[in-house]
PDB file of N, CA and C in Angstrom:
ATOM      1  N   MET A   1      55.212 -24.434 114.288  1.00  0.00           N
ATOM      2  CA  MET A   1      55.239 -23.752 113.201  1.00  0.00           C
ATOM      3  C   MET A   1      56.138 -22.348 113.173  1.00  0.00           C
ATOM      4  N   ALA A   2      56.687 -23.005 112.420  1.00  0.00           N
ATOM      5  CA  ALA A   2      57.881 -21.852 112.239  1.00  0.00           C
ATOM      6  C   ALA A   2      57.461 -20.972 111.093  1.00  0.00           C
ATOM      7  N   SER A   3      58.513 -20.166 109.851  1.00  0.00           N
ATOM      8  CA  SER A   3      57.575 -19.173 108.769  1.00  0.00           C
ATOM      9  C   SER A   3      59.191 -19.131 108.345  1.00  0.00           C
ATOM     10  N   MET A   4      58.708 -18.465 107.281  1.00  0.00           N
ATOM     11  CA  MET A   4      59.802 -17.552 106.207  1.00  0.00           C
ATOM     12  C   MET A   4      60.825 -16.814 106.777  1.00  0.00           C
ATOM     13  N   ALA A   5      59.957 -16.109 107.814  1.00  0.00           N
ATOM     14  CA  ALA A   5      60.759 -15.468 107.937  1.00  0.00           C
ATOM     15  C   ALA A   5      62.232 -15.733 109.191  1.00  0.00           C
ATOM     16  N   GLY A   6      62.309 -16.668 109.838  1.00  0.00           N
ATOM     17  CA  GLY A   6      63.121 -17.629 110.344  1.00  0.00           C
ATOM     18  C   GLY A   6      64.344 -17.299 109.545  1.00  0.00           C
ATOM     19  N   LEU A   7      64.070 -17.727 107.870  1.00  0.00           N
ATOM     20  CA  LEU A   7      65.328 -17.524 107.031  1.00  0.00           C
ATOM     21  C   LEU A   7      66.105 -16.380 106.931  1.00  0.00           C
ATOM     22  N   GLY A   8      65.485 -15.415 106.926  1.00  0.00           N
ATOM     23  CA  GLY A   8      65.969 -14.377 106.936  1.00  0.00           C
ATOM     24  C   GLY A   8      64.870 -13.331 106.737  1.00  0.00           C
ATOM     25  N   PRO A   9      65.090 -11.448 107.230  1.00  0.00           N
ATOM     26  CA  PRO A   9      64.056 -10.829 106.641  1.00  0.00           C
ATOM     27  C   PRO A   9      62.987 -10.882 105.325  1.00  0.00           C
ATOM     28  N   ASN A  10      62.472  -9.990 105.472  1.00  0.00           N
ATOM     29  CA  ASN A  10      61.546  -9.702 103.649  1.00  0.00           C
ATOM     30  C   ASN A  10      62.199  -8.270 103.553  1.00  0.00           C
ATOM     31  N   PRO A  11      62.209  -8.501 102.605  1.00  0.00           N
ATOM     32  CA  PRO A  11      62.764  -6.870 102.089  1.00  0.00           C
ATOM     33  C   PRO A  11      61.762  -5.968 102.076  1.00  0.00           C
ATOM     34  N   TYR A  12      60.643  -6.587 102.202  1.00  0.00           N
ATOM     35  CA  TYR A  12      59.225  -5.480 101.757  1.00  0.00           C
ATOM     36  C   TYR A  12      57.940  -5.417 102.784  1.00  0.00           C
ATOM     37  N   SER A  13      58.823  -6.178 104.389  1.00  0.00           N
ATOM     38  CA  SER A  13      58.284  -5.722 105.027  1.00  0.00           C
ATOM     39  C   SER A  13      58.980  -4.842 106.661  1.00  0.00           C
ATOM     40  N   PRO A  14      58.738  -4.855 108.139  1.00  0.00           N
ATOM     41  CA  PRO A  14      59.456  -4.158 108.431  1.00  0.00           C
ATOM     42  C   PRO A  14      59.479  -5.508 109.491  1.00  0.00           C
ATOM     43  N   SER A  15      61.178  -5.198 109.287  1.00  0.00           N
ATOM     44  CA  SER A  15      61.511  -6.777 110.880  1.00  0.00           C
ATOM     45  C   SER A  15      61.073  -5.933 111.710  1.00  0.00           C
ATOM     46  N   TYR A  16      60.497  -7.620 112.052  1.00  0.00           N
ATOM     47  CA  TYR A  16      60.229  -7.737 113.512  1.00  0.00           C
ATOM     48  C   TYR A  16      60.887  -9.087 114.162  1.00  0.00           C
ATOM     49  N   LEU A  17      61.921  -8.071 114.879  1.00  0.00           N
ATOM     50  CA  LEU A  17      63.436  -9.045 114.914  1.00  0.00           C
ATOM     51  C   LEU A  17      63.148 -10.370 116.152  1.00  0.00           C
ATOM     52  N   PRO A  18      62.037  -9.678 117.197  1.00  0.00           N
ATOM     53  CA  PRO A  18      61.413 -11.203 117.941  1.00  0.00           C
ATOM     54  C   PRO A  18      61.074 -12.086 117.363  1.00  0.00           C
ATOM     55  N   TYR A  19      60.278 -11.979 116.806  1.00  0.00           N
ATOM     56  CA  TYR A  19      59.486 -12.767 115.620  1.00  0.00           C
ATOM     57  C   TYR A  19      60.508 -13.791 114.481  1.00  0.00           C
ATOM     58  N   GLY A  20      61.285 -13.212 113.639  1.00  0.00           N
ATOM     59  CA  GLY A  20      62.071 -13.849 113.064  1.00  0.00           C
ATOM     60  C   GLY A  20      63.434 -14.641 114.104  1.00  0.00           C
ATOM     61  N   THR A  21      63.451 -13.964 114.966  1.00  0.00           N
ATOM     62  CA  THR A  21      64.927 -15.009 115.834  1.00  0.00           C
ATOM     63  C   THR A  21      63.803 -16.229 116.024  1.00  0.00           C
ATOM     64  N   ALA A  22      63.218 -16.195 116.969  1.00  0.00           N
ATOM     65  CA  ALA A  22      62.069 -17.132 117.295  1.00  0.00           C
ATOM     66  C   ALA A  22      62.464 -18.435 116.208  1.00  0.00           C
ATOM     67  N   LYS A  23      61.493 -17.622 115.591  1.00  0.00           N
ATOM     68  CA  LYS A  23      60.771 -18.675 114.019  1.00  0.00           C
ATOM     69  C   LYS A  23      62.756 -19.466 113.433  1.00  0.00           C
ATOM     70  N   ALA A  24      63.825 -18.105 113.510  1.00  0.00           N
ATOM     71  CA  ALA A  24      65.339 -19.064 113.312  1.00  0.00           C
ATOM     72  C   ALA A  24      65.380 -19.969 114.586  1.00  0.00           C
ATOM     73  N   GLY A  25      65.062 -20.030 115.451  1.00  0.00           N
ATOM     74  CA  GLY A  25      65.321 -20.981 116.744  1.00  0.00           C
ATOM     75  C   GLY A  25      64.505 -22.395 116.316  1.00  0.00           C
ATOM     76  N   VAL A  26      63.069 -22.197 115.922  1.00  0.00           N
ATOM     77  CA  VAL A  26      61.919 -23.431 115.571  1.00  0.00           C
ATOM     78  C   VAL A  26      62.766 -24.192 114.417  1.00  0.00           C
ATOM     79  N   ILE A  27      63.372 -23.300 113.217  1.00  0.00           N
ATOM     80  CA  ILE A  27      63.601 -23.936 112.310  1.00  0.00           C
ATOM     81  C   ILE A  27      65.012 -25.077 112.798  1.00  0.00           C
ATOM     82  N   GLY A  28      66.125 -23.952 113.859  1.00  0.00           N
ATOM     83  CA  GLY A  28      66.716 -25.197 114.134  1.00  0.00           C
ATOM     84  C   GLY A  28      66.717 -26.340 115.172  1.00  0.00           C
ATOM     85  N   PHE A  29      65.578 -25.879 115.726  1.00  0.00           N
ATOM     86  CA  PHE A  29      65.291 -27.074 117.238  1.00  0.00           C
ATOM     87  C   PHE A  29      65.066 -28.184 116.487  1.00  0.00           C
ATOM     88  N   THR A  30      63.741 -28.197 115.262  1.00  0.00           N
ATOM     89  CA  THR A  30      63.590 -28.744 114.540  1.00  0.00           C
ATOM     90  C   THR A  30      64.489 -29.596 114.008  1.00  0.00           C
ATOM     91  N   LYS A  31      65.787 -29.359 113.232  1.00  0.00           N
ATOM     92  CA  LYS A  31      66.974 -30.557 112.513  1.00  0.00           C
ATOM     93  C   LYS A  31      67.822 -30.869 113.625  1.00  0.00           C
ATOM     94  N   HIS A  32      67.702 -30.333 114.109  1.00  0.00           N
ATOM     95  CA  HIS A  32      68.345 -30.846 115.643  1.00  0.00           C
ATOM     96  C   HIS A  32      67.582 -31.975 116.401  1.00  0.00           C
ATOM     97  N   LEU A  33      66.409 -31.914 116.652  1.00  0.00           N
ATOM     98  CA  LEU A  33      65.357 -32.448 117.013  1.00  0.00           C
ATOM     99  C   LEU A  33      64.883 -33.261 116.269  1.00  0.00           C
ATOM    100  N   ALA A  34      65.176 -33.621 114.868  1.00  0.00           N
ATOM    101  CA  ALA A  34      65.063 -34.580 113.452  1.00  0.00           C
ATOM    102  C   ALA A  34      65.940 -35.535 114.386  1.00  0.00           C
ATOM    103  N   LYS A  35      67.375 -35.518 113.513  1.00  0.00           N
ATOM    104  CA  LYS A  35      68.273 -35.760 113.673  1.00  0.00           C
ATOM    105  C   LYS A  35      68.995 -36.735 115.245  1.00  0.00           C
ATOM    106  N   GLU A  36      68.140 -36.219 116.304  1.00  0.00           N
ATOM    107  CA  GLU A  36      68.342 -36.872 117.005  1.00  0.00           C
ATOM    108  C   GLU A  36      67.540 -38.530 117.551  1.00  0.00           C
ATOM    109  N   LEU A  37      65.862 -38.032 117.212  1.00  0.00           N
ATOM    110  CA  LEU A  37      65.154 -38.605 117.047  1.00  0.00           C
ATOM    111  C   LEU A  37      64.867 -39.527 115.878  1.00  0.00           C
ATOM    112  N   GLY A  38      64.836 -39.728 114.507  1.00  0.00           N
ATOM    113  CA  GLY A  38      65.247 -40.257 113.195  1.00  0.00           C
ATOM    114  C   GLY A  38      65.238 -41.439 113.951  1.00  0.00           C
ATOM    115  N   PRO A  39      66.828 -41.920 114.302  1.00  0.00           N
ATOM    116  CA  PRO A  39      67.001 -43.159 114.253  1.00  0.00           C
ATOM    117  C   PRO A  39      66.184 -44.529 115.380  1.00  0.00           C
ATOM    118  N   TYR A  40      65.133 -43.583 115.830  1.00  0.00           N
ATOM    119  CA  TYR A  40      64.458 -43.914 117.023  1.00  0.00           C
ATOM    120  C   TYR A  40      62.751 -43.949 116.007  1.00  0.00           C
ATOM    121  N   GLY A  41      63.044 -43.795 114.857  1.00  0.00           N
ATOM    122  CA  GLY A  41      61.490 -43.944 113.620  1.00  0.00           C
ATOM    123  C   GLY A  41      60.329 -42.333 113.762  1.00  0.00           C
ATOM    124  N   ILE A  42      61.041 -41.604 115.025  1.00  0.00           N
ATOM    125  CA  ILE A  42      60.227 -40.548 115.094  1.00  0.00           C
ATOM    126  C   ILE A  42      60.877 -39.293 114.371  1.00  0.00           C
ATOM    127  N   THR A  43      59.570 -38.589 113.697  1.00  0.00           N
ATOM    128  CA  THR A  43      59.661 -37.105 112.223  1.00  0.00           C
ATOM    129  C   THR A  43      59.895 -36.380 113.666  1.00  0.00           C
ATOM    130  N   VAL A  44      60.022 -35.274 112.781  1.00  0.00           N
ATOM    131  CA  VAL A  44      60.006 -34.379 113.580  1.00  0.00           C
ATOM    132  C   VAL A  44      59.523 -33.145 111.849  1.00  0.00           C
ATOM    133  N   ASN A  45      59.017 -32.431 111.864  1.00  0.00           N
ATOM    134  CA  ASN A  45      58.813 -31.888 111.188  1.00  0.00           C
ATOM    135  C   ASN A  45      58.543 -29.841 111.493  1.00  0.00           C
ATOM    136  N   ALA A  46      58.664 -28.612 110.961  1.00  0.00           N
ATOM    137  CA  ALA A  46      58.586 -27.765 110.965  1.00  0.00           C
ATOM    138  C   ALA A  46      57.762 -27.509 109.526  1.00  0.00           C
ATOM    139  N   ILE A  47      56.800 -26.791 109.499  1.00  0.00           N
ATOM    140  CA  ILE A  47      55.448 -26.353 109.104  1.00  0.00           C
ATOM    141  C   ILE A  47      56.900 -24.341 108.393  1.00  0.00           C
ATOM    142  N   SER A  48      57.121 -23.941 107.252  1.00  0.00           N
ATOM    143  CA  SER A  48      57.235 -22.268 107.432  1.00  0.00           C
ATOM    144  C   SER A  48      56.648 -21.742 106.005  1.00  0.00           C
ATOM    145  N   PRO A  49      55.960 -21.391 106.129  1.00  0.00           N
ATOM    146  CA  PRO A  49      55.200 -20.865 105.599  1.00  0.00           C
ATOM    147  C   PRO A  49      55.702 -18.626 105.458  1.00  0.00           C
ATOM    148  N   ASN A  50      55.526 -18.695 104.094  1.00  0.00           N
ATOM    149  CA  ASN A  50      55.441 -17.431 103.906  1.00  0.00           C
ATOM    150  C   ASN A  50      54.202 -16.997 104.540  1.00  0.00           C
ATOM    151  N   THR A  51      53.714 -15.268 103.754  1.00  0.00           N
ATOM    152  CA  THR A  51      52.457 -14.521 104.037  1.00  0.00           C
ATOM    153  C   THR A  51      51.243 -15.405 104.261  1.00  0.00           C
ATOM    154  N   ALA A  52      50.439 -16.308 104.789  1.00  0.00           N
ATOM    155  CA  ALA A  52      48.981 -16.501 104.627  1.00  0.00           C
ATOM    156  C   ALA A  52      47.707 -15.212 104.002  1.00  0.00           C
ATOM    157  N   ILE A  53      47.174 -15.978 103.438  1.00  0.00           N
ATOM    158  CA  ILE A  53      46.265 -14.072 103.729  1.00  0.00           C
ATOM    159  C   ILE A  53      45.256 -14.172 104.259  1.00  0.00           C
ATOM    160  N   THR A  54      44.948 -13.606 105.128  1.00  0.00           N
ATOM    161  CA  THR A  54      44.591 -14.005 106.472  1.00  0.00           C
ATOM    162  C   THR A  54      43.769 -12.947 106.540  1.00  0.00           C
ATOM    163  N   PRO A  55      42.655 -12.360 106.978  1.00  0.00           N
ATOM    164  CA  PRO A  55      41.639 -11.030 107.519  1.00  0.00           C
ATOM    165  C   PRO A  55      43.285  -9.896 108.052  1.00  0.00           C
ATOM    166  N   ARG A  56      43.675 -10.672 109.645  1.00  0.00           N
ATOM    167  CA  ARG A  56      44.354  -9.472 109.355  1.00  0.00           C
ATOM    168  C   ARG A  56      45.699  -9.402 108.957  1.00  0.00           C
ATOM    169  N   VAL A  57      46.047  -9.681 108.280  1.00  0.00           N
ATOM    170  CA  VAL A  57      46.728  -9.423 106.252  1.00  0.00           C
ATOM    171  C   VAL A  57      46.437  -8.550 105.687  1.00  0.00           C
ATOM    172  N   LYS A  58      45.231  -8.577 105.684  1.00  0.00           N
ATOM    173  CA  LYS A  58      44.443  -8.083 104.608  1.00  0.00           C
ATOM    174  C   LYS A  58      44.533  -6.757 105.427  1.00  0.00           C
ATOM    175  N   LYS A  59      43.560  -6.326 106.458  1.00  0.00           N
ATOM    176  CA  LYS A  59      43.847  -5.091 107.173  1.00  0.00           C
ATOM    177  C   LYS A  59      45.361  -4.156 107.135  1.00  0.00           C
ATOM    178  N   LEU A  60      46.432  -4.848 107.525  1.00  0.00           N
ATOM    179  CA  LEU A  60      47.457  -4.429 107.765  1.00  0.00           C
ATOM    180  C   LEU A  60      48.538  -3.728 106.365  1.00  0.00           C
ATOM    181  N   ARG A  61      48.064  -4.949 105.542  1.00  0.00           N
ATOM    182  CA  ARG A  61      49.393  -4.992 104.337  1.00  0.00           C
ATOM    183  C   ARG A  61      48.574  -3.969 103.260  1.00  0.00           C
ATOM    184  N   SER A  62      49.133  -3.296 102.636  1.00  0.00           N
ATOM    185  CA  SER A  62      48.625  -2.750 100.772  1.00  0.00           C
ATOM    186  C   SER A  62      48.188  -3.496 100.323  1.00  0.00           C
ATOM    187  N   ALA A  63      47.966  -3.561  99.251  1.00  0.00           N
ATOM    188  CA  ALA A  63      47.904  -4.587  98.268  1.00  0.00           C
ATOM    189  C   ALA A  63      48.826  -4.315  97.612  1.00  0.00           C
ATOM    190  N   GLU A  64      49.338  -3.180  97.626  1.00  0.00           N
ATOM    191  CA  GLU A  64      51.122  -3.129  96.470  1.00  0.00           C
ATOM    192  C   GLU A  64      51.589  -3.942  97.255  1.00  0.00           C
ATOM    193  N   ASN A  65      51.469  -3.983  98.314  1.00  0.00           N
ATOM    194  CA  ASN A  65      52.563  -4.984  99.244  1.00  0.00           C
ATOM    195  C   ASN A  65      52.280  -6.463  99.572  1.00  0.00           C
ATOM    196  N   LEU A  66      51.147  -6.501  99.421  1.00  0.00           N
ATOM    197  CA  LEU A  66      51.208  -8.165  98.941  1.00  0.00           C
ATOM    198  C   LEU A  66      50.990  -8.775  97.576  1.00  0.00           C
ATOM    199  N   LYS A  67      51.179  -7.677  97.002  1.00  0.00           N
ATOM    200  CA  LYS A  67      51.475  -8.162  95.175  1.00  0.00           C
ATOM    201  C   LYS A  67      53.031  -8.398  95.368  1.00  0.00           C
ATOM    202  N   ARG A  68      53.571  -7.357  96.316  1.00  0.00           N
ATOM    203  CA  ARG A  68      55.224  -8.020  96.120  1.00  0.00           C
ATOM    204  C   ARG A  68      55.508  -8.888  96.830  1.00  0.00           C
ATOM    205  N   ILE A  69      55.032  -8.933  98.277  1.00  0.00           N
ATOM    206  CA  ILE A  69      55.467 -10.739  99.019  1.00  0.00           C
ATOM    207  C   ILE A  69      54.477 -11.971  97.879  1.00  0.00           C
ATOM    208  N   ALA A  70      53.493 -11.579  97.400  1.00  0.00           N
ATOM    209  CA  ALA A  70      53.424 -12.546  96.656  1.00  0.00           C
ATOM    210  C   ALA A  70      54.400 -13.144  95.489  1.00  0.00           C
ATOM    211  N   GLU A  71      54.961 -11.797  94.220  1.00  0.00           N
ATOM    212  CA  GLU A  71      56.009 -12.542  93.623  1.00  0.00           C
ATOM    213  C   GLU A  71      56.769 -13.447  94.054  1.00  0.00           C
ATOM    214  N   MET A  72      57.283 -12.920  95.443  1.00  0.00           N
ATOM    215  CA  MET A  72      59.076 -13.179  96.129  1.00  0.00           C
ATOM    216  C   MET A  72      58.473 -15.091  96.197  1.00  0.00           C
ATOM    217  N   SER A  73      57.298 -15.759  95.900  1.00  0.00           N
ATOM    218  CA  SER A  73      56.500 -17.208  96.003  1.00  0.00           C
ATOM    219  C   SER A  73      56.875 -17.483  95.190  1.00  0.00           C
ATOM    220  N   PRO A  74      57.786 -19.063  95.758  1.00  0.00           N
ATOM    221  CA  PRO A  74      57.945 -19.114  93.971  1.00  0.00           C
ATOM    222  C   PRO A  74      56.533 -19.715  93.351  1.00  0.00           C
ATOM    223  N   LEU A  75      55.483 -20.035  94.033  1.00  0.00           N
ATOM    224  CA  LEU A  75      54.208 -20.008  93.155  1.00  0.00           C
ATOM    225  C   LEU A  75      53.902 -18.421  92.834  1.00  0.00           C
ATOM    226  N   GLY A  76      54.070 -17.609  93.317  1.00  0.00           N
ATOM    227  CA  GLY A  76      53.354 -16.280  92.596  1.00  0.00           C
ATOM    228  C   GLY A  76      52.524 -16.242  93.347  1.00  0.00           C
ATOM    229  N   HIS A  77      51.663 -16.906  94.267  1.00  0.00           N
ATOM    230  CA  HIS A  77      50.944 -16.291  95.603  1.00  0.00           C
ATOM    231  C   HIS A  77      51.118 -16.401  96.581  1.00  0.00           C
ATOM    232  N   LEU A  78      50.047 -15.971  97.629  1.00  0.00           N
ATOM    233  CA  LEU A  78      49.893 -15.604  98.691  1.00  0.00           C
ATOM    234  C   LEU A  78      49.692 -17.236  99.383  1.00  0.00           C
ATOM    235  N   ILE A  79      49.928 -17.823 100.205  1.00  0.00           N
ATOM    236  CA  ILE A  79      48.872 -19.473 100.624  1.00  0.00           C
ATOM    237  C   ILE A  79      47.361 -18.447 101.705  1.00  0.00           C
ATOM    238  N   GLU A  80      46.656 -19.744 101.627  1.00  0.00           N
ATOM    239  CA  GLU A  80      45.529 -19.436 102.042  1.00  0.00           C
ATOM    240  C   GLU A  80      45.726 -20.395 104.207  1.00  0.00           C
ATOM    241  N   PRO A  81      45.225 -19.786 105.158  1.00  0.00           N
ATOM    242  CA  PRO A  81      45.464 -20.135 106.051  1.00  0.00           C
ATOM    243  C   PRO A  81      45.200 -21.700 105.751  1.00  0.00           C
ATOM    244  N   GLU A  82      43.815 -22.301 105.285  1.00  0.00           N
ATOM    245  CA  GLU A  82      44.079 -23.460 105.234  1.00  0.00           C
ATOM    246  C   GLU A  82      45.220 -24.960 104.275  1.00  0.00           C
ATOM    247  N   ASP A  83      46.250 -23.878 103.498  1.00  0.00           N
ATOM    248  CA  ASP A  83      46.948 -23.933 103.414  1.00  0.00           C
ATOM    249  C   ASP A  83      47.854 -24.827 103.904  1.00  0.00           C
ATOM    250  N   CYS A  84      48.340 -24.290 105.829  1.00  0.00           N
ATOM    251  CA  CYS A  84      48.824 -24.983 106.902  1.00  0.00           C
ATOM    252  C   CYS A  84      48.355 -25.971 107.388  1.00  0.00           C
ATOM    253  N   ALA A  85      46.828 -25.373 107.620  1.00  0.00           N
ATOM    254  CA  ALA A  85      46.479 -26.698 107.888  1.00  0.00           C
ATOM    255  C   ALA A  85      46.541 -27.814 107.649  1.00  0.00           C
ATOM    256  N   GLU A  86      46.224 -27.922 106.257  1.00  0.00           N
ATOM    257  CA  GLU A  86      46.686 -29.366 105.037  1.00  0.00           C
ATOM    258  C   GLU A  86      48.243 -29.696 105.419  1.00  0.00           C
ATOM    259  N   ALA A  87      48.800 -28.762 105.359  1.00  0.00           N
ATOM    260  CA  ALA A  87      50.242 -29.544 105.960  1.00  0.00           C
ATOM    261  C   ALA A  87      50.129 -30.195 107.287  1.00  0.00           C
ATOM    262  N   ALA A  88      49.930 -29.668 107.932  1.00  0.00           N
ATOM    263  CA  ALA A  88      49.541 -30.053 109.525  1.00  0.00           C
ATOM    264  C   ALA A  88      48.946 -31.548 109.923  1.00  0.00           C
ATOM    265  N   LEU A  89      47.408 -31.353 109.408  1.00  0.00           N
ATOM    266  CA  LEU A  89      47.482 -32.503 109.153  1.00  0.00           C
ATOM    267  C   LEU A  89      47.966 -33.663 108.339  1.00  0.00           C
ATOM    268  N   PHE A  90      48.646 -33.552 107.331  1.00  0.00           N
ATOM    269  CA  PHE A  90      49.262 -34.627 106.549  1.00  0.00           C
ATOM    270  C   PHE A  90      50.687 -35.001 107.915  1.00  0.00           C
ATOM    271  N   LEU A  91      51.222 -34.348 108.036  1.00  0.00           N
ATOM    272  CA  LEU A  91      52.535 -34.090 108.804  1.00  0.00           C
ATOM    273  C   LEU A  91      51.977 -35.354 110.661  1.00  0.00           C
ATOM    274  N   ALA A  92      51.557 -34.280 110.742  1.00  0.00           N
ATOM    275  CA  ALA A  92      50.372 -35.713 112.305  1.00  0.00           C
ATOM    276  C   ALA A  92      49.960 -36.828 111.453  1.00  0.00           C
ATOM    277  N   SER A  93      49.912 -37.419 110.789  1.00  0.00           N
ATOM    278  CA  SER A  93      49.148 -38.796 109.656  1.00  0.00           C
ATOM    279  C   SER A  93      50.347 -39.695 109.824  1.00  0.00           C
ATOM    280  N   ASN A  94      49.765 -40.598 109.994  1.00  0.00           N
ATOM    281  CA  ASN A  94      50.364 -42.021 109.395  1.00  0.00           C
ATOM    282  C   ASN A  94      51.393 -41.702 107.889  1.00  0.00           C
ATOM    283  N   LYS A  95      50.085 -40.906 106.907  1.00  0.00           N
ATOM    284  CA  LYS A  95      51.170 -40.780 105.808  1.00  0.00           C
ATOM    285  C   LYS A  95      52.594 -40.129 106.078  1.00  0.00           C
ATOM    286  N   ALA A  96      52.248 -39.337 106.982  1.00  0.00           N
ATOM    287  CA  ALA A  96      54.235 -38.746 106.908  1.00  0.00           C
ATOM    288  C   ALA A  96      55.378 -39.590 107.196  1.00  0.00           C
ATOM    289  N   ALA A  97      54.703 -40.613 108.075  1.00  0.00           N
ATOM    290  CA  ALA A  97      56.385 -41.535 108.302  1.00  0.00           C
ATOM    291  C   ALA A  97      56.510 -42.323 106.829  1.00  0.00           C
ATOM    292  N   LEU A  98      55.643 -42.217 105.971  1.00  0.00           N
ATOM    293  CA  LEU A  98      56.421 -43.118 104.683  1.00  0.00           C
ATOM    294  C   LEU A  98      57.755 -42.523 103.967  1.00  0.00           C
TER     295      LEU A  98
END
């Protein structure tokens, strides 16, 4: 599980250097592993969500901050934790290999 934080800092959020660095590592590792294992028919993927609207996020962020983060998303809204779960289930299924 990666994160959009691995692509760069969020301008509306404090910088979490260890978190962002770790997620950038997950993204890079995924790309290299996919290249190495692809010839063997093994798929490697990472899910890189933006902010998911969890109870923790609701508690830590103001409504104004959440609105700005949502506006940065291509779809214009925050995701639900279930969205990440559905993506993970798909990638773990045989359908993802097609």
